[in-house]
Amino acid sequence: MLIRQKLVCCFVISILIMFLGVEPIFAKLITAHHYQQGSLINPAVTIQDSSGAQRHLLEIVRSQEKALSVIYLFGGGAMGAKSIKRGIWCQDSFEDLHILRTLVNSFSEEVTFIAIASPPVFHTGQMGFQDRALLDFPRDSETYQAAYKAFIASTQLAVDRGLIPMEPYLDMGFQLLMSDTQQASLNENYGSVPVWQGVFRAPNEEQMYGVPAYWIVDKHGKVLEQPIRGNIYHPHGDDVMRLNYSLTDLVEAIHKHLGDQTTTDVD
């Protein structure tokens, strides 16, 4: 139903463009479902903590005393897969974690870092579990629970080893980054799809998961600039190696927004 509504909306917008020539309006509306600079995190957006409890992302951001938060979305533990020695299922996220560790060491007194780990929901079969175990099976089933517990344990192991520099939150249903096409593949065991699902996915994202990605937000949950994302260290399929940002880019962005927040507080 949600996808049908989106298609109808796009059709109506296209008609407006044909007859009214409202390209700026179209550009704004077509990306409305994807967060961008100036967006405010929906209060209904939820993630999970390591115990499985639902947490509202906006409440987590607003509960911090610091004026700036960096939200880091990444691929988490490898679920014990023997073929993945590094402990993180996403190669690009593994390579990028050194940036996160450096940022935490440099800015932890001024910035809150919120890491959110996603499981390989479309590739649990490659991790040694039933294919799509975290998507297509009831949450109280042995199939789901085995994959769930393996992801929790392997992500915690990466924390214990110092690979992940803080206790991460979890996006077990891959809700923050799921595309419309991926949503269309879900069955009734997944549960209801909230209207905010996929809001952290860039509208031009071509990769299946779209991790790693950094989002800089203020203490009110307002997105301060476009997500810093798109590093591909290990290409596969039709991908090619692409480095869209470095540690320097993130350091400069954090310094900029820390200065902006200081000015705002003084004003």
Protein backbone atom coordinates (compact mmCIF):
# COMPACT_ATOMS: atom_id res chain seq x y z
CA MET A 1 0.00 0.00 0.00
CA LEU A 2 2.78 2.40 0.92
CA ILE A 3 4.62 1.80 -2.36
CA ARG A 4 1.37 2.31 -4.32
CA GLN A 5 0.84 5.64 -2.59
CA LYS A 6 4.37 6.71 -3.50
CA LEU A 7 3.79 5.80 -7.15
CA VAL A 8 0.54 7.78 -7.24
CA CYS A 9 2.34 10.73 -5.64
CA CYS A 10 5.10 10.62 -8.26
CA PHE A 11 2.50 10.46 -11.06
CA VAL A 12 0.67 13.51 -9.72
CA ILE A 13 3.94 15.42 -9.39
CA SER A 14 4.86 14.54 -12.98
CA ILE A 15 1.54 15.95 -14.20
CA LEU A 16 2.24 19.17 -12.29
CA ILE A 17 5.58 19.50 -14.00
CA MET A 18 4.08 18.98 -17.46
CA PHE A 19 1.44 21.66 -17.02
CA LEU A 20 2.90 24.03 -14.44
CA GLY A 21 6.63 23.74 -14.96
CA VAL A 22 7.34 23.47 -11.25
CA GLU A 23 10.74 21.77 -11.37
CA PRO A 24 11.89 23.23 -8.02
CA ILE A 25 8.77 21.88 -6.31
CA PHE A 26 9.30 18.50 -7.93
CA ALA A 27 12.93 18.35 -6.83
CA LYS A 28 11.90 19.07 -3.25
CA LEU A 29 9.03 16.60 -3.15
CA ILE A 30 10.79 13.72 -4.88
CA THR A 31 13.45 13.64 -2.15
CA ALA A 32 11.06 14.31 0.73
CA HIS A 33 11.20 10.64 1.79
CA HIS A 34 15.01 10.78 2.06
CA TYR A 35 16.65 12.84 4.78
CA GLN A 36 18.91 15.61 3.60
CA GLN A 37 20.33 18.86 4.95
CA GLY A 38 17.65 20.62 7.00
CA SER A 39 15.57 17.48 7.69
CA LEU A 40 14.42 16.79 11.24
CA ILE A 41 14.53 13.21 12.47
CA ASN A 42 11.02 11.83 12.83
CA PRO A 43 10.19 11.20 16.52
CA ALA A 44 8.82 7.79 15.52
CA VAL A 45 12.15 6.47 14.16
CA THR A 46 13.22 3.53 16.32
CA ILE A 47 16.32 1.40 16.68
CA GLN A 48 17.23 -1.27 19.23
CA ASP A 49 19.79 -1.54 22.00
CA SER A 50 21.78 -4.70 22.67
CA SER A 51 19.00 -6.07 24.90
CA GLY A 52 16.50 -5.78 22.04
CA ALA A 53 14.60 -2.88 23.59
CA GLN A 54 13.16 -0.34 21.16
CA ARG A 55 14.69 3.13 21.43
CA HIS A 56 13.64 6.32 19.68
CA LEU A 57 16.58 7.80 17.81
CA LEU A 58 15.44 11.39 18.31
CA GLU A 59 15.18 10.87 22.07
CA ILE A 60 18.72 9.49 22.12
CA VAL A 61 20.00 12.57 20.25
CA ARG A 62 18.06 15.03 22.41
CA SER A 63 19.13 13.39 25.66
CA GLN A 64 22.78 14.27 25.01
CA GLU A 65 24.32 17.29 26.69
CA LYS A 66 26.56 17.98 23.70
CA ALA A 67 25.42 20.30 20.93
CA LEU A 68 26.46 17.98 18.11
CA SER A 69 25.91 14.28 17.37
CA VAL A 70 27.44 12.14 14.66
CA ILE A 71 25.31 9.15 13.67
CA TYR A 72 27.34 6.37 12.07
CA LEU A 73 25.48 3.69 10.10
CA PHE A 74 27.52 0.59 9.35
CA GLY A 75 27.48 -3.14 8.76
CA GLY A 76 27.98 -4.93 12.08
CA GLY A 77 29.18 -8.34 13.26
CA ALA A 78 29.80 -11.19 10.83
CA MET A 79 27.53 -13.56 12.77
CA GLY A 80 30.39 -16.00 13.37
CA ALA A 81 30.94 -16.74 9.68
CA LYS A 82 34.26 -18.60 9.47
CA SER A 83 34.99 -17.15 6.04
CA ILE A 84 35.09 -13.58 7.43
CA LYS A 85 38.19 -13.26 9.60
CA ARG A 86 37.85 -9.51 10.26
CA GLY A 87 34.66 -9.94 12.34
CA ILE A 88 32.57 -7.38 10.42
CA TRP A 89 30.39 -8.61 7.56
CA CYS A 90 30.67 -5.40 5.48
CA GLN A 91 34.20 -4.94 4.13
CA ASP A 92 33.68 -1.21 3.51
CA SER A 93 32.43 -0.69 7.07
CA PHE A 94 35.42 -2.61 8.43
CA GLU A 95 37.83 -0.35 6.54
CA ASP A 96 35.94 2.77 7.60
CA LEU A 97 35.88 2.00 11.31
CA HIS A 98 39.39 3.39 11.68
CA ILE A 99 37.90 6.81 10.81
CA LEU A 100 35.25 6.41 13.50
CA ARG A 101 37.82 5.34 16.10
CA THR A 102 39.98 8.39 15.31
CA LEU A 103 37.00 10.75 15.50
CA VAL A 104 35.90 9.32 18.84
CA ASN A 105 39.43 9.72 20.24
CA SER A 106 39.61 13.31 18.97
CA PHE A 107 36.12 14.70 19.66
CA SER A 108 34.48 12.60 22.37
CA GLU A 109 34.45 15.54 24.81
CA GLU A 110 32.59 17.77 22.35
CA VAL A 111 30.56 15.41 20.17
CA THR A 112 28.24 12.48 20.85
CA PHE A 113 28.84 9.51 18.57
CA ILE A 114 25.90 7.21 17.93
CA ALA A 115 26.84 4.03 16.06
CA ILE A 116 24.05 1.93 14.56
CA ALA A 117 24.91 -1.54 13.28
CA SER A 118 22.88 -3.27 10.57
CA PRO A 119 22.94 -7.04 9.98
CA PRO A 120 23.35 -8.54 6.49
CA VAL A 121 19.60 -9.15 6.23
CA PHE A 122 19.71 -10.12 2.54
CA HIS A 123 22.76 -12.36 2.93
CA THR A 124 22.26 -14.36 6.13
CA GLY A 125 22.53 -17.47 3.96
CA GLN A 126 26.15 -16.58 3.25
CA MET A 127 26.74 -16.26 6.99
CA GLY A 128 25.69 -19.87 7.57
CA PHE A 129 22.03 -19.30 8.46
CA GLN A 130 18.74 -19.60 6.63
CA ASP A 131 18.52 -17.12 3.75
CA ARG A 132 16.71 -13.90 4.80
CA ALA A 133 16.39 -15.31 8.32
CA LEU A 134 15.93 -11.84 9.83
CA LEU A 135 13.31 -10.77 7.27
CA ASP A 136 11.04 -13.66 6.28
CA PHE A 137 10.63 -15.63 9.49
CA PRO A 138 8.59 -14.94 12.67
CA ARG A 139 10.65 -13.29 15.36
CA ASP A 140 9.89 -16.05 17.85
CA SER A 141 11.02 -18.76 15.42
CA GLU A 142 14.24 -20.75 15.90
CA THR A 143 15.42 -19.56 12.48
CA TYR A 144 15.12 -15.88 13.37
CA GLN A 145 16.44 -16.26 16.91
CA ALA A 146 19.56 -18.16 15.82
CA ALA A 147 20.51 -15.41 13.34
CA TYR A 148 19.56 -12.65 15.78
CA LYS A 149 21.69 -14.02 18.61
CA ALA A 150 24.64 -14.62 16.28
CA PHE A 151 24.56 -11.03 15.08
CA ILE A 152 24.32 -9.65 18.63
CA ALA A 153 27.18 -11.84 19.83
CA SER A 154 29.48 -11.10 16.90
CA THR A 155 28.86 -7.36 17.11
CA GLN A 156 29.61 -7.40 20.83
CA LEU A 157 32.80 -9.35 20.14
CA ALA A 158 33.91 -6.58 17.76
CA VAL A 159 33.30 -4.08 20.57
CA ASP A 160 35.25 -6.19 23.07
CA ARG A 161 38.18 -6.37 20.66
CA GLY A 162 38.21 -2.59 20.26
CA LEU A 163 37.22 -2.65 16.62
CA ILE A 164 33.99 -0.76 17.32
CA PRO A 165 34.83 2.07 19.75
CA MET A 166 31.49 2.16 21.58
CA GLU A 167 28.46 0.02 22.30
CA PRO A 168 26.41 0.34 19.11
CA TYR A 169 22.68 0.44 18.69
CA LEU A 170 21.11 -1.97 16.21
CA ASP A 171 18.84 -1.74 13.19
CA MET A 172 17.80 -5.38 13.08
CA GLY A 173 15.13 -4.90 10.42
CA PHE A 174 17.35 -2.72 8.22
CA GLN A 175 14.65 -0.07 8.50
CA LEU A 176 16.80 3.05 8.27
CA LEU A 177 18.27 2.23 4.86
CA MET A 178 15.79 -0.04 3.12
CA SER A 179 14.82 0.88 -0.44
CA ASP A 180 11.30 0.77 -1.87
CA THR A 181 12.25 -2.23 -4.02
CA GLN A 182 13.55 -4.08 -0.98
CA GLN A 183 10.38 -3.25 0.94
CA ALA A 184 8.33 -4.82 -1.84
CA SER A 185 10.05 -8.16 -1.18
CA LEU A 186 8.91 -8.39 2.45
CA ASN A 187 6.25 -10.82 3.68
CA GLU A 188 3.80 -10.72 6.58
CA ASN A 189 6.38 -12.05 9.05
CA TYR A 190 8.35 -8.82 8.76
CA GLY A 191 5.52 -6.84 10.29
CA SER A 192 4.20 -3.41 9.39
CA VAL A 193 6.37 -0.99 7.43
CA PRO A 194 6.46 2.48 9.05
CA VAL A 195 6.19 5.58 6.87
CA TRP A 196 9.71 6.61 7.89
CA GLN A 197 11.36 3.40 6.74
CA GLY A 198 14.29 4.11 4.41
CA VAL A 199 14.64 7.81 5.30
CA PHE A 200 18.39 7.49 5.87
CA ARG A 201 18.96 6.00 2.43
CA ALA A 202 20.35 8.47 -0.11
CA PRO A 203 17.95 8.86 -3.07
CA ASN A 204 20.76 7.99 -5.49
CA GLU A 205 22.08 5.02 -3.51
CA GLU A 206 22.90 2.12 -5.84
CA GLN A 207 24.42 -0.33 -3.36
CA MET A 208 22.24 -2.90 -1.61
CA TYR A 209 23.00 -1.70 1.91
CA GLY A 210 24.42 1.81 1.54
CA VAL A 211 26.84 1.56 4.47
CA PRO A 212 28.99 3.09 5.86
CA ALA A 213 27.52 6.59 6.22
CA TYR A 214 27.92 9.52 8.62
CA TRP A 215 25.12 11.92 9.56
CA ILE A 216 25.84 15.12 11.50
CA VAL A 217 22.88 16.41 13.50
CA ASP A 218 22.35 19.10 16.12
CA LYS A 219 20.91 18.61 19.60
CA HIS A 220 17.37 18.98 18.22
CA GLY A 221 17.84 16.19 15.66
CA LYS A 222 18.20 18.51 12.68
CA VAL A 223 20.42 17.22 9.88
CA LEU A 224 23.15 19.82 9.38
CA GLU A 225 24.45 18.69 5.99
CA GLN A 226 24.14 15.96 3.38
CA PRO A 227 25.29 12.55 4.65
CA ILE A 228 28.99 11.84 4.26
CA ARG A 229 28.92 8.49 2.53
CA GLY A 230 29.81 6.43 -0.52
CA ASN A 231 33.26 4.98 0.23
CA ILE A 232 33.76 1.68 -1.59
CA TYR A 233 37.07 0.12 -0.56
CA HIS A 234 36.32 -3.37 -1.85
CA PRO A 235 34.33 -3.33 -5.10
CA HIS A 236 32.13 -6.25 -6.05
CA GLY A 237 29.79 -6.87 -8.93
CA ASP A 238 29.57 -3.74 -11.07
CA ASP A 239 30.99 -1.52 -8.32
CA VAL A 240 34.34 0.19 -8.66
CA MET A 241 36.63 1.45 -5.92
CA ARG A 242 35.46 4.91 -4.90
CA LEU A 243 36.56 7.09 -1.99
CA ASN A 244 34.15 10.01 -1.60
CA TYR A 245 35.49 11.22 1.74
CA SER A 246 38.41 10.91 4.12
CA LEU A 247 39.09 11.51 7.81
CA THR A 248 40.03 15.09 6.94
CA ASP A 249 36.61 15.75 5.40
CA LEU A 250 34.85 14.60 8.55
CA VAL A 251 37.17 16.54 10.84
CA GLU A 252 36.55 19.71 8.86
CA ALA A 253 32.78 19.16 8.89
CA ILE A 254 32.74 18.59 12.65
CA HIS A 255 34.86 21.69 13.31
CA LYS A 256 32.55 23.74 11.09
CA HIS A 257 29.37 22.65 12.83
CA LEU A 258 30.86 22.90 16.31
CA GLY A 259 31.64 26.52 15.47
CA ASP A 260 28.14 27.08 14.11
CA GLN A 261 26.57 25.65 17.27
CA THR A 262 28.77 27.81 19.50
CA THR A 263 27.75 30.91 17.58
CA THR A 264 24.09 29.95 17.79
CA ASP A 265 24.27 29.40 21.56
CA VAL A 266 25.98 32.75 22.06
CA ASP A 267 23.47 34.55 19.86
